[in-house]
């Protein structure tokens, strides 16, 4: 660790000039981007499945969870549903050792503010994450102001900007400018960093350099997780850690200094992603199906997503199990609560 980064982290840990404990809220290791349990053809939430889901994460040593993100079908949920989901995760997960970070981003600023304020009332919520609006796309400056308004609605909670330009079309290659502008204005004192879901490692590296490495950078592309960690990223936000040991092993082996082992596990994770990738065409929610394969059934998807056909499900399950890519159902079942 360079002296400048060390100095920045020490200052952040002491509260820094802004008085917000950046270092104390830093996420390291793994965060699961969790799926939203549903029933009745995807028309209703099934909150009874949140507790066993949280128990499964704890059993595989995943200690951070983000509900209502991309995997959680957030933009397909109503504000009321997102509040109910936040309440249930906040109620059951912390007691199992799983910290909860609620995604509050929305097309409407007022909805995002409402969700942030609601999250701040829940003792079991450790932070919030915010995607930009995606239809009326913001500029750098208006995104900054949007995030400032949302973060200001929950000033005691850390907030991460959720950068996923393949879906949002917002600021491709310019995530670092969000941090630079926030640092310049001082109007986002509780901004922790970025959930960075993009393959642009040059932009990711630039984010790491802002304010001498003060900001918490979490990488969201599973098949390149090791590259991000080697560049200095703090951790991964992942779909596959929900149901596969591959990326979990990457993080664990890298932390132990076993780079060769981590690289082998990363290749296996990339092979996993290549295996299920073709099944995700035609708006099919393939990874929700994989959750059922490992014994953590989170129910059907909501339109415009659709589920795999029985034939597709059977074919994919056979491939994943034969290659040892996913958790075994007996293990998942035995460890559920």
C-alpha atoms as a PDB file:
ATOM      1  CA  UNK A   1       0.000   0.000   0.000  1.00  0.00           C
ATOM      2  CA  UNK A   2       1.440   3.426  -0.994  1.00  0.00           C
ATOM      3  CA  UNK A   3       1.994   6.111   1.613  1.00  0.00           C
ATOM      4  CA  UNK A   4      -0.576   8.433   0.029  1.00  0.00           C
ATOM      5  CA  UNK A   5      -3.289   5.758   0.102  1.00  0.00           C
ATOM      6  CA  UNK A   6      -2.382   4.845   3.680  1.00  0.00           C
ATOM      7  CA  UNK A   7      -2.628   8.485   4.725  1.00  0.00           C
ATOM      8  CA  UNK A   8      -6.010   8.815   3.017  1.00  0.00           C
ATOM      9  CA  UNK A   9      -7.333   5.695   4.732  1.00  0.00           C
ATOM     10  CA  UNK A  10      -6.091   6.851   8.125  1.00  0.00           C
ATOM     11  CA  UNK A  11      -7.756  10.222   7.624  1.00  0.00           C
ATOM     12  CA  UNK A  12     -10.976   8.525   6.521  1.00  0.00           C
ATOM     13  CA  UNK A  13     -10.894   6.201   9.513  1.00  0.00           C
ATOM     14  CA  UNK A  14     -10.638   9.195  11.827  1.00  0.00           C
ATOM     15  CA  UNK A  15     -13.576  10.824  10.117  1.00  0.00           C
ATOM     16  CA  UNK A  16     -11.596  13.007   7.730  1.00  0.00           C
ATOM     17  CA  UNK A  17     -12.474  16.596   7.042  1.00  0.00           C
ATOM     18  CA  UNK A  18     -16.116  15.703   6.448  1.00  0.00           C
ATOM     19  CA  UNK A  19     -16.748  13.901   9.733  1.00  0.00           C
ATOM     20  CA  UNK A  20     -18.084  10.709   8.057  1.00  0.00           C
ATOM     21  CA  UNK A  21     -16.419   7.413   8.947  1.00  0.00           C
ATOM     22  CA  UNK A  22     -15.462   6.226   5.476  1.00  0.00           C
ATOM     23  CA  UNK A  23     -13.019   3.575   6.604  1.00  0.00           C
ATOM     24  CA  UNK A  24     -15.389   2.188   9.224  1.00  0.00           C
ATOM     25  CA  UNK A  25     -18.044   1.621   6.544  1.00  0.00           C
ATOM     26  CA  UNK A  26     -15.711   0.131   3.948  1.00  0.00           C
ATOM     27  CA  UNK A  27     -16.922  -3.155   2.462  1.00  0.00           C
ATOM     28  CA  UNK A  28     -14.333  -5.831   1.750  1.00  0.00           C
ATOM     29  CA  UNK A  29     -14.600  -9.325   0.346  1.00  0.00           C
ATOM     30  CA  UNK A  30     -17.947 -10.406  -1.099  1.00  0.00           C
ATOM     31  CA  UNK A  31     -21.433  -8.987  -1.435  1.00  0.00           C
ATOM     32  CA  UNK A  32     -24.294 -10.997  -2.931  1.00  0.00           C
ATOM     33  CA  UNK A  33     -26.594  -9.204  -5.341  1.00  0.00           C
ATOM     34  CA  UNK A  34     -29.670 -11.091  -4.204  1.00  0.00           C
ATOM     35  CA  UNK A  35     -32.774 -12.174  -6.074  1.00  0.00           C
ATOM     36  CA  UNK A  36     -36.276 -11.118  -5.097  1.00  0.00           C
ATOM     37  CA  UNK A  37     -38.429 -14.067  -3.969  1.00  0.00           C
ATOM     38  CA  UNK A  38     -41.772 -14.114  -5.762  1.00  0.00           C
ATOM     39  CA  UNK A  39     -44.885 -16.246  -6.145  1.00  0.00           C
ATOM     40  CA  UNK A  40     -48.127 -16.296  -8.136  1.00  0.00           C
ATOM     41  CA  UNK A  41     -46.393 -16.120 -11.482  1.00  0.00           C
ATOM     42  CA  UNK A  42     -44.171 -13.257 -10.323  1.00  0.00           C
ATOM     43  CA  UNK A  43     -47.098 -11.061  -9.367  1.00  0.00           C
ATOM     44  CA  UNK A  44     -46.448 -11.096  -5.605  1.00  0.00           C
ATOM     45  CA  UNK A  45     -43.457 -11.012  -3.281  1.00  0.00           C
ATOM     46  CA  UNK A  46     -42.797 -14.149  -1.240  1.00  0.00           C
ATOM     47  CA  UNK A  47     -41.178 -12.701   1.861  1.00  0.00           C
ATOM     48  CA  UNK A  48     -41.242 -16.051   3.669  1.00  0.00           C
ATOM     49  CA  UNK A  49     -38.247 -17.068   1.573  1.00  0.00           C
ATOM     50  CA  UNK A  50     -35.984 -14.210   2.687  1.00  0.00           C
ATOM     51  CA  UNK A  51     -34.974 -15.847   5.983  1.00  0.00           C
ATOM     52  CA  UNK A  52     -33.831 -19.164   4.471  1.00  0.00           C
ATOM     53  CA  UNK A  53     -32.106 -17.207   1.710  1.00  0.00           C
ATOM     54  CA  UNK A  54     -30.156 -15.156   4.249  1.00  0.00           C
ATOM     55  CA  UNK A  55     -29.318 -18.372   6.084  1.00  0.00           C
ATOM     56  CA  UNK A  56     -27.904 -19.846   2.901  1.00  0.00           C
ATOM     57  CA  UNK A  57     -25.653 -16.816   2.358  1.00  0.00           C
ATOM     58  CA  UNK A  58     -24.378 -17.023   5.921  1.00  0.00           C
ATOM     59  CA  UNK A  59     -23.678 -20.735   5.488  1.00  0.00           C
ATOM     60  CA  UNK A  60     -21.337 -20.057   2.570  1.00  0.00           C
ATOM     61  CA  UNK A  61     -19.631 -17.112   4.312  1.00  0.00           C
ATOM     62  CA  UNK A  62     -21.164 -14.344   2.237  1.00  0.00           C
ATOM     63  CA  UNK A  63     -21.719 -11.602   4.796  1.00  0.00           C
ATOM     64  CA  UNK A  64     -23.061  -8.696   2.721  1.00  0.00           C
ATOM     65  CA  UNK A  65     -26.283  -8.646   0.674  1.00  0.00           C
ATOM     66  CA  UNK A  66     -27.824  -6.104  -1.685  1.00  0.00           C
ATOM     67  CA  UNK A  67     -31.573  -6.572  -2.252  1.00  0.00           C
ATOM     68  CA  UNK A  68     -33.569  -4.896  -5.039  1.00  0.00           C
ATOM     69  CA  UNK A  69     -30.699  -4.359  -7.449  1.00  0.00           C
ATOM     70  CA  UNK A  70     -30.475  -5.610 -11.013  1.00  0.00           C
ATOM     71  CA  UNK A  71     -30.661  -9.258  -9.949  1.00  0.00           C
ATOM     72  CA  UNK A  72     -33.514  -8.277  -7.646  1.00  0.00           C
ATOM     73  CA  UNK A  73     -35.608  -6.942 -10.570  1.00  0.00           C
ATOM     74  CA  UNK A  74     -35.717  -3.545  -8.859  1.00  0.00           C
ATOM     75  CA  UNK A  75     -37.238  -1.474 -11.630  1.00  0.00           C
ATOM     76  CA  UNK A  76     -40.029  -4.058 -11.941  1.00  0.00           C
ATOM     77  CA  UNK A  77     -41.008  -3.614  -8.282  1.00  0.00           C
ATOM     78  CA  UNK A  78     -43.324  -0.992  -6.820  1.00  0.00           C
ATOM     79  CA  UNK A  79     -42.072   1.393  -4.132  1.00  0.00           C
ATOM     80  CA  UNK A  80     -44.295  -0.388  -1.627  1.00  0.00           C
ATOM     81  CA  UNK A  81     -42.809  -3.774  -2.560  1.00  0.00           C
ATOM     82  CA  UNK A  82     -39.280  -2.434  -2.280  1.00  0.00           C
ATOM     83  CA  UNK A  83     -40.035  -1.165   1.223  1.00  0.00           C
ATOM     84  CA  UNK A  84     -41.472  -4.528   2.254  1.00  0.00           C
ATOM     85  CA  UNK A  85     -38.421  -6.295   0.853  1.00  0.00           C
ATOM     86  CA  UNK A  86     -36.052  -3.939   2.692  1.00  0.00           C
ATOM     87  CA  UNK A  87     -37.942  -4.437   5.938  1.00  0.00           C
ATOM     88  CA  UNK A  88     -37.762  -8.225   5.725  1.00  0.00           C
ATOM     89  CA  UNK A  89     -34.061  -8.371   4.866  1.00  0.00           C
ATOM     90  CA  UNK A  90     -33.290  -5.832   7.593  1.00  0.00           C
ATOM     91  CA  UNK A  91     -35.260  -7.874  10.108  1.00  0.00           C
ATOM     92  CA  UNK A  92     -33.813 -11.338   9.488  1.00  0.00           C
ATOM     93  CA  UNK A  93     -30.340 -11.043   7.907  1.00  0.00           C
ATOM     94  CA  UNK A  94     -28.250  -9.110  10.482  1.00  0.00           C
ATOM     95  CA  UNK A  95     -28.965 -11.698  13.167  1.00  0.00           C
ATOM     96  CA  UNK A  96     -27.362 -14.271  10.860  1.00  0.00           C
ATOM     97  CA  UNK A  97     -24.252 -12.154  10.353  1.00  0.00           C
ATOM     98  CA  UNK A  98     -25.298 -10.759   6.968  1.00  0.00           C
ATOM     99  CA  UNK A  99     -25.173  -6.973   6.539  1.00  0.00           C
ATOM    100  CA  UNK A 100     -27.844  -5.447   4.321  1.00  0.00           C
ATOM    101  CA  UNK A 101     -27.365  -2.699   1.722  1.00  0.00           C
ATOM    102  CA  UNK A 102     -30.584  -1.583   0.066  1.00  0.00           C
ATOM    103  CA  UNK A 103     -30.705  -0.412  -3.534  1.00  0.00           C
ATOM    104  CA  UNK A 104     -32.818   2.761  -3.647  1.00  0.00           C
ATOM    105  CA  UNK A 105     -32.263   4.017  -7.191  1.00  0.00           C
ATOM    106  CA  UNK A 106     -35.374   4.860  -9.202  1.00  0.00           C
ATOM    107  CA  UNK A 107     -36.533   6.752 -12.264  1.00  0.00           C
ATOM    108  CA  UNK A 108     -38.219   9.317 -10.038  1.00  0.00           C
ATOM    109  CA  UNK A 109     -36.041  11.325  -7.683  1.00  0.00           C
ATOM    110  CA  UNK A 110     -38.943  11.469  -5.242  1.00  0.00           C
ATOM    111  CA  UNK A 111     -39.214   7.676  -5.199  1.00  0.00           C
ATOM    112  CA  UNK A 112     -35.475   7.324  -4.618  1.00  0.00           C
ATOM    113  CA  UNK A 113     -35.619   9.848  -1.767  1.00  0.00           C
ATOM    114  CA  UNK A 114     -38.587   8.023  -0.243  1.00  0.00           C
ATOM    115  CA  UNK A 115     -36.743   4.700  -0.408  1.00  0.00           C
ATOM    116  CA  UNK A 116     -33.587   6.218   1.092  1.00  0.00           C
ATOM    117  CA  UNK A 117     -35.523   7.786   3.959  1.00  0.00           C
ATOM    118  CA  UNK A 118     -37.286   4.492   4.583  1.00  0.00           C
ATOM    119  CA  UNK A 119     -33.995   2.560   4.613  1.00  0.00           C
ATOM    120  CA  UNK A 120     -32.639   5.003   7.186  1.00  0.00           C
ATOM    121  CA  UNK A 121     -35.461   4.075   9.580  1.00  0.00           C
ATOM    122  CA  UNK A 122     -34.502   0.373   9.572  1.00  0.00           C
ATOM    123  CA  UNK A 123     -31.902  -0.557  12.206  1.00  0.00           C
ATOM    124  CA  UNK A 124     -30.828  -3.595  10.175  1.00  0.00           C
ATOM    125  CA  UNK A 125     -29.741  -1.585   7.123  1.00  0.00           C
ATOM    126  CA  UNK A 126     -26.008  -0.854   6.914  1.00  0.00           C
ATOM    127  CA  UNK A 127     -26.052   1.302   3.783  1.00  0.00           C
ATOM    128  CA  UNK A 128     -27.754   2.197   0.517  1.00  0.00           C
ATOM    129  CA  UNK A 129     -26.850   1.872  -3.157  1.00  0.00           C
ATOM    130  CA  UNK A 130     -28.210   4.088  -5.936  1.00  0.00           C
ATOM    131  CA  UNK A 131     -28.451   3.557  -9.683  1.00  0.00           C
ATOM    132  CA  UNK A 132     -29.091   6.587 -11.910  1.00  0.00           C
ATOM    133  CA  UNK A 133     -32.312   7.193 -13.816  1.00  0.00           C
ATOM    134  CA  UNK A 134     -32.083   5.357 -17.132  1.00  0.00           C
ATOM    135  CA  UNK A 135     -34.753   6.864 -19.414  1.00  0.00           C
ATOM    136  CA  UNK A 136     -34.037  10.563 -18.963  1.00  0.00           C
ATOM    137  CA  UNK A 137     -30.304  10.077 -18.715  1.00  0.00           C
ATOM    138  CA  UNK A 138     -28.429  12.483 -16.438  1.00  0.00           C
ATOM    139  CA  UNK A 139     -25.310  14.440 -17.240  1.00  0.00           C
ATOM    140  CA  UNK A 140     -22.371  14.248 -14.865  1.00  0.00           C
ATOM    141  CA  UNK A 141     -23.595  17.332 -13.051  1.00  0.00           C
ATOM    142  CA  UNK A 142     -27.241  16.283 -12.786  1.00  0.00           C
ATOM    143  CA  UNK A 143     -26.241  12.794 -11.654  1.00  0.00           C
ATOM    144  CA  UNK A 144     -24.167  14.407  -8.917  1.00  0.00           C
ATOM    145  CA  UNK A 145     -27.168  16.486  -7.856  1.00  0.00           C
ATOM    146  CA  UNK A 146     -29.460  13.437  -7.990  1.00  0.00           C
ATOM    147  CA  UNK A 147     -27.097  11.461  -5.750  1.00  0.00           C
ATOM    148  CA  UNK A 148     -26.717  14.430  -3.402  1.00  0.00           C
ATOM    149  CA  UNK A 149     -30.483  14.632  -2.948  1.00  0.00           C
ATOM    150  CA  UNK A 150     -30.779  10.883  -2.313  1.00  0.00           C
ATOM    151  CA  UNK A 151     -27.819  10.731   0.048  1.00  0.00           C
ATOM    152  CA  UNK A 152     -29.130  13.783   1.876  1.00  0.00           C
ATOM    153  CA  UNK A 153     -32.330  11.879   2.648  1.00  0.00           C
ATOM    154  CA  UNK A 154     -30.285   9.347   4.647  1.00  0.00           C
ATOM    155  CA  UNK A 155     -27.279  11.324   5.896  1.00  0.00           C
ATOM    156  CA  UNK A 156     -26.286   8.777   8.550  1.00  0.00           C
ATOM    157  CA  UNK A 157     -26.062   5.927   6.031  1.00  0.00           C
ATOM    158  CA  UNK A 158     -23.151   5.344   3.649  1.00  0.00           C
ATOM    159  CA  UNK A 159     -24.144   5.398  -0.013  1.00  0.00           C
ATOM    160  CA  UNK A 160     -22.538   3.809  -3.071  1.00  0.00           C
ATOM    161  CA  UNK A 161     -23.183   4.975  -6.626  1.00  0.00           C
ATOM    162  CA  UNK A 162     -24.272   1.991  -8.739  1.00  0.00           C
ATOM    163  CA  UNK A 163     -22.467   2.206 -12.088  1.00  0.00           C
ATOM    164  CA  UNK A 164     -23.805  -0.268 -14.672  1.00  0.00           C
ATOM    165  CA  UNK A 165     -23.660   1.506 -18.040  1.00  0.00           C
ATOM    166  CA  UNK A 166     -24.505  -1.575 -20.135  1.00  0.00           C
ATOM    167  CA  UNK A 167     -28.060  -1.222 -18.774  1.00  0.00           C
ATOM    168  CA  UNK A 168     -28.268   2.471 -17.933  1.00  0.00           C
ATOM    169  CA  UNK A 169     -26.254   3.988 -20.766  1.00  0.00           C
ATOM    170  CA  UNK A 170     -25.026   6.567 -18.232  1.00  0.00           C
ATOM    171  CA  UNK A 171     -21.433   7.883 -18.199  1.00  0.00           C
ATOM    172  CA  UNK A 172     -19.705   4.959 -19.883  1.00  0.00           C
ATOM    173  CA  UNK A 173     -16.002   5.216 -19.029  1.00  0.00           C
ATOM    174  CA  UNK A 174     -16.580   8.192 -16.727  1.00  0.00           C
ATOM    175  CA  UNK A 175     -17.392   6.734 -13.310  1.00  0.00           C
ATOM    176  CA  UNK A 176     -14.228   8.278 -11.906  1.00  0.00           C
ATOM    177  CA  UNK A 177     -15.600  11.715 -12.767  1.00  0.00           C
ATOM    178  CA  UNK A 178     -18.498  11.122 -10.360  1.00  0.00           C
ATOM    179  CA  UNK A 179     -16.009  10.675  -7.528  1.00  0.00           C
ATOM    180  CA  UNK A 180     -13.918  13.614  -8.668  1.00  0.00           C
ATOM    181  CA  UNK A 181     -16.911  15.946  -8.745  1.00  0.00           C
ATOM    182  CA  UNK A 182     -18.174  14.725  -5.375  1.00  0.00           C
ATOM    183  CA  UNK A 183     -14.732  15.321  -3.921  1.00  0.00           C
ATOM    184  CA  UNK A 184     -14.665  18.817  -5.399  1.00  0.00           C
ATOM    185  CA  UNK A 185     -18.107  19.926  -4.212  1.00  0.00           C
ATOM    186  CA  UNK A 186     -18.224  18.230  -0.822  1.00  0.00           C
ATOM    187  CA  UNK A 187     -21.990  17.816  -1.248  1.00  0.00           C
ATOM    188  CA  UNK A 188     -21.989  14.036  -0.789  1.00  0.00           C
ATOM    189  CA  UNK A 189     -20.252  13.581   2.574  1.00  0.00           C
ATOM    190  CA  UNK A 190     -21.637  10.059   3.014  1.00  0.00           C
ATOM    191  CA  UNK A 191     -20.572   8.851  -0.445  1.00  0.00           C
ATOM    192  CA  UNK A 192     -18.571   5.680   0.171  1.00  0.00           C
ATOM    193  CA  UNK A 193     -17.663   4.795  -3.382  1.00  0.00           C
ATOM    194  CA  UNK A 194     -18.979   2.870  -6.365  1.00  0.00           C
ATOM    195  CA  UNK A 195     -20.511  -0.490  -7.131  1.00  0.00           C
ATOM    196  CA  UNK A 196     -18.700  -0.696 -10.444  1.00  0.00           C
ATOM    197  CA  UNK A 197     -20.366  -3.104 -12.898  1.00  0.00           C
ATOM    198  CA  UNK A 198     -18.474  -2.591 -16.122  1.00  0.00           C
ATOM    199  CA  UNK A 199     -15.529  -4.152 -17.943  1.00  0.00           C
ATOM    200  CA  UNK A 200     -13.703  -0.819 -18.320  1.00  0.00           C
ATOM    201  CA  UNK A 201     -10.704  -1.453 -16.066  1.00  0.00           C
ATOM    202  CA  UNK A 202      -9.086   1.837 -17.064  1.00  0.00           C
ATOM    203  CA  UNK A 203     -12.069   3.701 -15.619  1.00  0.00           C
ATOM    204  CA  UNK A 204     -12.008   1.413 -12.559  1.00  0.00           C
ATOM    205  CA  UNK A 205      -8.321   2.177 -12.037  1.00  0.00           C
ATOM    206  CA  UNK A 206      -9.009   5.906 -12.345  1.00  0.00           C
ATOM    207  CA  UNK A 207     -11.690   5.558  -9.646  1.00  0.00           C
ATOM    208  CA  UNK A 208      -9.110   3.965  -7.358  1.00  0.00           C
ATOM    209  CA  UNK A 209      -6.843   6.985  -7.733  1.00  0.00           C
ATOM    210  CA  UNK A 210      -9.362   9.637  -6.685  1.00  0.00           C
ATOM    211  CA  UNK A 211      -8.482  11.227  -3.325  1.00  0.00           C
ATOM    212  CA  UNK A 212      -5.501   8.879  -2.986  1.00  0.00           C
ATOM    213  CA  UNK A 213      -7.679   5.777  -2.874  1.00  0.00           C
ATOM    214  CA  UNK A 214     -10.159   6.892  -0.259  1.00  0.00           C
ATOM    215  CA  UNK A 215     -13.259   5.549  -1.990  1.00  0.00           C
ATOM    216  CA  UNK A 216     -14.602   2.013  -1.608  1.00  0.00           C
ATOM    217  CA  UNK A 217     -14.567   0.261  -5.003  1.00  0.00           C
ATOM    218  CA  UNK A 218     -16.637  -2.897  -5.395  1.00  0.00           C
ATOM    219  CA  UNK A 219     -16.459  -4.721  -8.723  1.00  0.00           C
ATOM    220  CA  UNK A 220     -19.566  -6.238 -10.275  1.00  0.00           C
ATOM    221  CA  UNK A 221     -18.325  -8.305 -13.223  1.00  0.00           C
ATOM    222  CA  UNK A 222     -17.867 -11.792 -11.817  1.00  0.00           C
ATOM    223  CA  UNK A 223     -15.706 -13.163 -14.612  1.00  0.00           C
ATOM    224  CA  UNK A 224     -13.108 -10.392 -14.102  1.00  0.00           C
ATOM    225  CA  UNK A 225     -13.231 -10.201 -10.314  1.00  0.00           C
ATOM    226  CA  UNK A 226      -9.611 -11.205  -9.769  1.00  0.00           C
ATOM    227  CA  UNK A 227      -8.362  -8.508 -12.136  1.00  0.00           C
ATOM    228  CA  UNK A 228     -10.221  -5.884 -10.117  1.00  0.00           C
ATOM    229  CA  UNK A 229      -8.836  -7.180  -6.823  1.00  0.00           C
ATOM    230  CA  UNK A 230      -5.293  -7.133  -8.195  1.00  0.00           C
ATOM    231  CA  UNK A 231      -5.752  -3.520  -9.282  1.00  0.00           C
ATOM    232  CA  UNK A 232      -6.684  -2.597  -5.708  1.00  0.00           C
ATOM    233  CA  UNK A 233     -10.426  -3.093  -5.554  1.00  0.00           C
ATOM    234  CA  UNK A 234     -11.859  -3.786  -2.122  1.00  0.00           C
ATOM    235  CA  UNK A 235     -14.251  -6.565  -3.071  1.00  0.00           C
ATOM    236  CA  UNK A 236     -16.835  -7.970  -5.447  1.00  0.00           C
ATOM    237  CA  UNK A 237     -20.593  -7.577  -5.748  1.00  0.00           C
ATOM    238  CA  UNK A 238     -21.688 -10.763  -7.389  1.00  0.00           C
ATOM    239  CA  UNK A 239     -24.559 -12.853  -8.640  1.00  0.00           C
ATOM    240  CA  UNK A 240     -22.636 -16.126  -8.756  1.00  0.00           C
ATOM    241  CA  UNK A 241     -21.596 -16.107  -5.071  1.00  0.00           C
ATOM    242  CA  UNK A 242     -25.280 -16.820  -4.400  1.00  0.00           C
ATOM    243  CA  UNK A 243     -25.006 -20.325  -5.800  1.00  0.00           C
ATOM    244  CA  UNK A 244     -21.437 -21.147  -6.818  1.00  0.00           C
ATOM    245  CA  UNK A 245     -18.187 -21.633  -4.893  1.00  0.00           C
ATOM    246  CA  UNK A 246     -16.065 -20.380  -7.800  1.00  0.00           C
ATOM    247  CA  UNK A 247     -15.871 -16.631  -7.129  1.00  0.00           C
ATOM    248  CA  UNK A 248     -15.965 -17.180  -3.376  1.00  0.00           C
ATOM    249  CA  UNK A 249     -12.766 -19.184  -3.812  1.00  0.00           C
ATOM    250  CA  UNK A 250     -11.232 -16.395  -5.892  1.00  0.00           C
ATOM    251  CA  UNK A 251     -11.731 -13.890  -3.075  1.00  0.00           C
ATOM    252  CA  UNK A 252     -10.626 -16.267  -0.349  1.00  0.00           C
ATOM    253  CA  UNK A 253      -7.509 -17.510  -2.149  1.00  0.00           C
ATOM    254  CA  UNK A 254      -6.472 -14.015  -3.200  1.00  0.00           C
ATOM    255  CA  UNK A 255      -6.762 -12.836   0.407  1.00  0.00           C
ATOM    256  CA  UNK A 256      -4.420 -15.658   1.422  1.00  0.00           C
ATOM    257  CA  UNK A 257      -1.874 -14.655  -1.219  1.00  0.00           C
ATOM    258  CA  UNK A 258      -2.478 -17.734  -3.382  1.00  0.00           C
ATOM    259  CA  UNK A 259      -2.570 -15.995  -6.754  1.00  0.00           C
ATOM    260  CA  UNK A 260      -2.194 -19.186  -8.773  1.00  0.00           C
ATOM    261  CA  UNK A 261      -5.126 -20.802  -6.982  1.00  0.00           C
ATOM    262  CA  UNK A 262      -7.199 -17.646  -7.324  1.00  0.00           C
ATOM    263  CA  UNK A 263      -6.500 -17.533 -11.064  1.00  0.00           C
ATOM    264  CA  UNK A 264      -7.630 -21.141 -11.465  1.00  0.00           C
ATOM    265  CA  UNK A 265     -10.841 -20.420  -9.551  1.00  0.00           C
ATOM    266  CA  UNK A 266     -11.419 -17.310 -11.678  1.00  0.00           C
ATOM    267  CA  UNK A 267     -11.154 -19.349 -14.867  1.00  0.00           C
ATOM    268  CA  UNK A 268     -13.720 -21.771 -13.489  1.00  0.00           C
ATOM    269  CA  UNK A 269     -16.028 -18.859 -12.715  1.00  0.00           C
ATOM    270  CA  UNK A 270     -15.595 -17.530 -16.257  1.00  0.00           C
ATOM    271  CA  UNK A 271     -16.460 -20.999 -17.601  1.00  0.00           C
ATOM    272  CA  UNK A 272     -19.571 -20.982 -15.388  1.00  0.00           C
ATOM    273  CA  UNK A 273     -20.659 -17.636 -16.826  1.00  0.00           C
ATOM    274  CA  UNK A 274     -20.027 -18.887 -20.361  1.00  0.00           C
ATOM    275  CA  UNK A 275     -22.143 -21.976 -19.653  1.00  0.00           C
ATOM    276  CA  UNK A 276     -25.276 -20.199 -18.453  1.00  0.00           C
ATOM    277  CA  UNK A 277     -24.868 -17.108 -20.642  1.00  0.00           C
ATOM    278  CA  UNK A 278     -26.613 -18.474 -23.749  1.00  0.00           C
ATOM    279  CA  UNK A 279     -29.668 -19.370 -21.647  1.00  0.00           C
ATOM    280  CA  UNK A 280     -30.117 -15.718 -20.712  1.00  0.00           C
ATOM    281  CA  UNK A 281     -31.356 -14.707 -24.162  1.00  0.00           C
ATOM    282  CA  UNK A 282     -34.938 -13.661 -24.877  1.00  0.00           C
ATOM    283  CA  UNK A 283     -35.332 -11.952 -21.483  1.00  0.00           C
ATOM    284  CA  UNK A 284     -34.898 -15.216 -19.583  1.00  0.00           C
ATOM    285  CA  UNK A 285     -33.942 -14.915 -15.918  1.00  0.00           C
ATOM    286  CA  UNK A 286     -31.485 -17.784 -15.969  1.00  0.00           C
ATOM    287  CA  UNK A 287     -29.749 -17.204 -12.642  1.00  0.00           C
ATOM    288  CA  UNK A 288     -32.993 -17.274 -10.681  1.00  0.00           C
ATOM    289  CA  UNK A 289     -33.394 -20.783 -12.060  1.00  0.00           C
ATOM    290  CA  UNK A 290     -29.906 -21.719 -10.844  1.00  0.00           C
ATOM    291  CA  UNK A 291     -30.892 -20.712  -7.321  1.00  0.00           C
ATOM    292  CA  UNK A 292     -33.574 -23.406  -7.411  1.00  0.00           C
ATOM    293  CA  UNK A 293     -30.970 -25.928  -8.571  1.00  0.00           C
ATOM    294  CA  UNK A 294     -28.967 -25.398  -5.358  1.00  0.00           C
ATOM    295  CA  UNK A 295     -32.023 -25.741  -3.123  1.00  0.00           C
ATOM    296  CA  UNK A 296     -32.779 -22.062  -2.568  1.00  0.00           C
ATOM    297  CA  UNK A 297     -35.989 -21.594  -4.519  1.00  0.00           C
ATOM    298  CA  UNK A 298     -36.761 -17.881  -4.917  1.00  0.00           C
ATOM    299  CA  UNK A 299     -39.761 -18.463  -7.144  1.00  0.00           C
ATOM    300  CA  UNK A 300     -40.676 -17.175 -10.586  1.00  0.00           C
ATOM    301  CA  UNK A 301     -39.674 -13.980 -12.358  1.00  0.00           C
ATOM    302  CA  UNK A 302     -41.809 -10.965 -13.190  1.00  0.00           C
ATOM    303  CA  UNK A 303     -42.452  -9.811 -16.733  1.00  0.00           C
ATOM    304  CA  UNK A 304     -40.724  -8.618 -18.841  1.00  0.00           C
ATOM    305  CA  UNK A 305     -38.409 -11.355 -17.534  1.00  0.00           C
ATOM    306  CA  UNK A 306     -39.453 -14.947 -18.123  1.00  0.00           C
ATOM    307  CA  UNK A 307     -38.289 -18.244 -16.682  1.00  0.00           C
ATOM    308  CA  UNK A 308     -36.527 -21.131 -18.385  1.00  0.00           C
ATOM    309  CA  UNK A 309     -38.626 -23.832 -19.962  1.00  0.00           C
ATOM    310  CA  UNK A 310     -38.521 -27.244 -18.218  1.00  0.00           C
ATOM    311  CA  UNK A 311     -36.283 -28.592 -20.996  1.00  0.00           C
ATOM    312  CA  UNK A 312     -33.878 -25.656 -20.725  1.00  0.00           C
ATOM    313  CA  UNK A 313     -33.801 -25.978 -16.954  1.00  0.00           C
ATOM    314  CA  UNK A 314     -32.973 -29.692 -17.088  1.00  0.00           C
ATOM    315  CA  UNK A 315     -30.258 -29.248 -19.712  1.00  0.00           C
ATOM    316  CA  UNK A 316     -28.571 -26.403 -17.861  1.00  0.00           C
ATOM    317  CA  UNK A 317     -28.766 -28.154 -14.504  1.00  0.00           C
ATOM    318  CA  UNK A 318     -27.065 -31.230 -15.953  1.00  0.00           C
ATOM    319  CA  UNK A 319     -24.250 -29.132 -17.413  1.00  0.00           C
ATOM    320  CA  UNK A 320     -23.610 -27.122 -14.247  1.00  0.00           C
ATOM    321  CA  UNK A 321     -23.693 -30.121 -11.941  1.00  0.00           C
ATOM    322  CA  UNK A 322     -21.480 -32.255 -14.174  1.00  0.00           C
ATOM    323  CA  UNK A 323     -18.793 -29.569 -14.133  1.00  0.00           C
ATOM    324  CA  UNK A 324     -19.044 -28.923 -10.403  1.00  0.00           C
ATOM    325  CA  UNK A 325     -19.850 -25.256 -10.954  1.00  0.00           C
ATOM    326  CA  UNK A 326     -22.653 -24.896  -8.396  1.00  0.00           C
ATOM    327  CA  UNK A 327     -23.368 -25.721  -4.779  1.00  0.00           C
ATOM    328  CA  UNK A 328     -24.894 -29.113  -4.184  1.00  0.00           C
ATOM    329  CA  UNK A 329     -28.527 -29.125  -3.105  1.00  0.00           C
ATOM    330  CA  UNK A 330     -27.982 -31.398  -0.076  1.00  0.00           C
ATOM    331  CA  UNK A 331     -25.442 -28.918   1.320  1.00  0.00           C
ATOM    332  CA  UNK A 332     -27.677 -25.927   0.684  1.00  0.00           C
ATOM    333  CA  UNK A 333     -30.697 -27.716   2.128  1.00  0.00           C
ATOM    334  CA  UNK A 334     -28.878 -28.879   5.246  1.00  0.00           C
ATOM    335  CA  UNK A 335     -27.620 -25.408   6.017  1.00  0.00           C
ATOM    336  CA  UNK A 336     -30.878 -23.538   5.504  1.00  0.00           C
ATOM    337  CA  UNK A 337     -32.732 -22.208   8.558  1.00  0.00           C
END
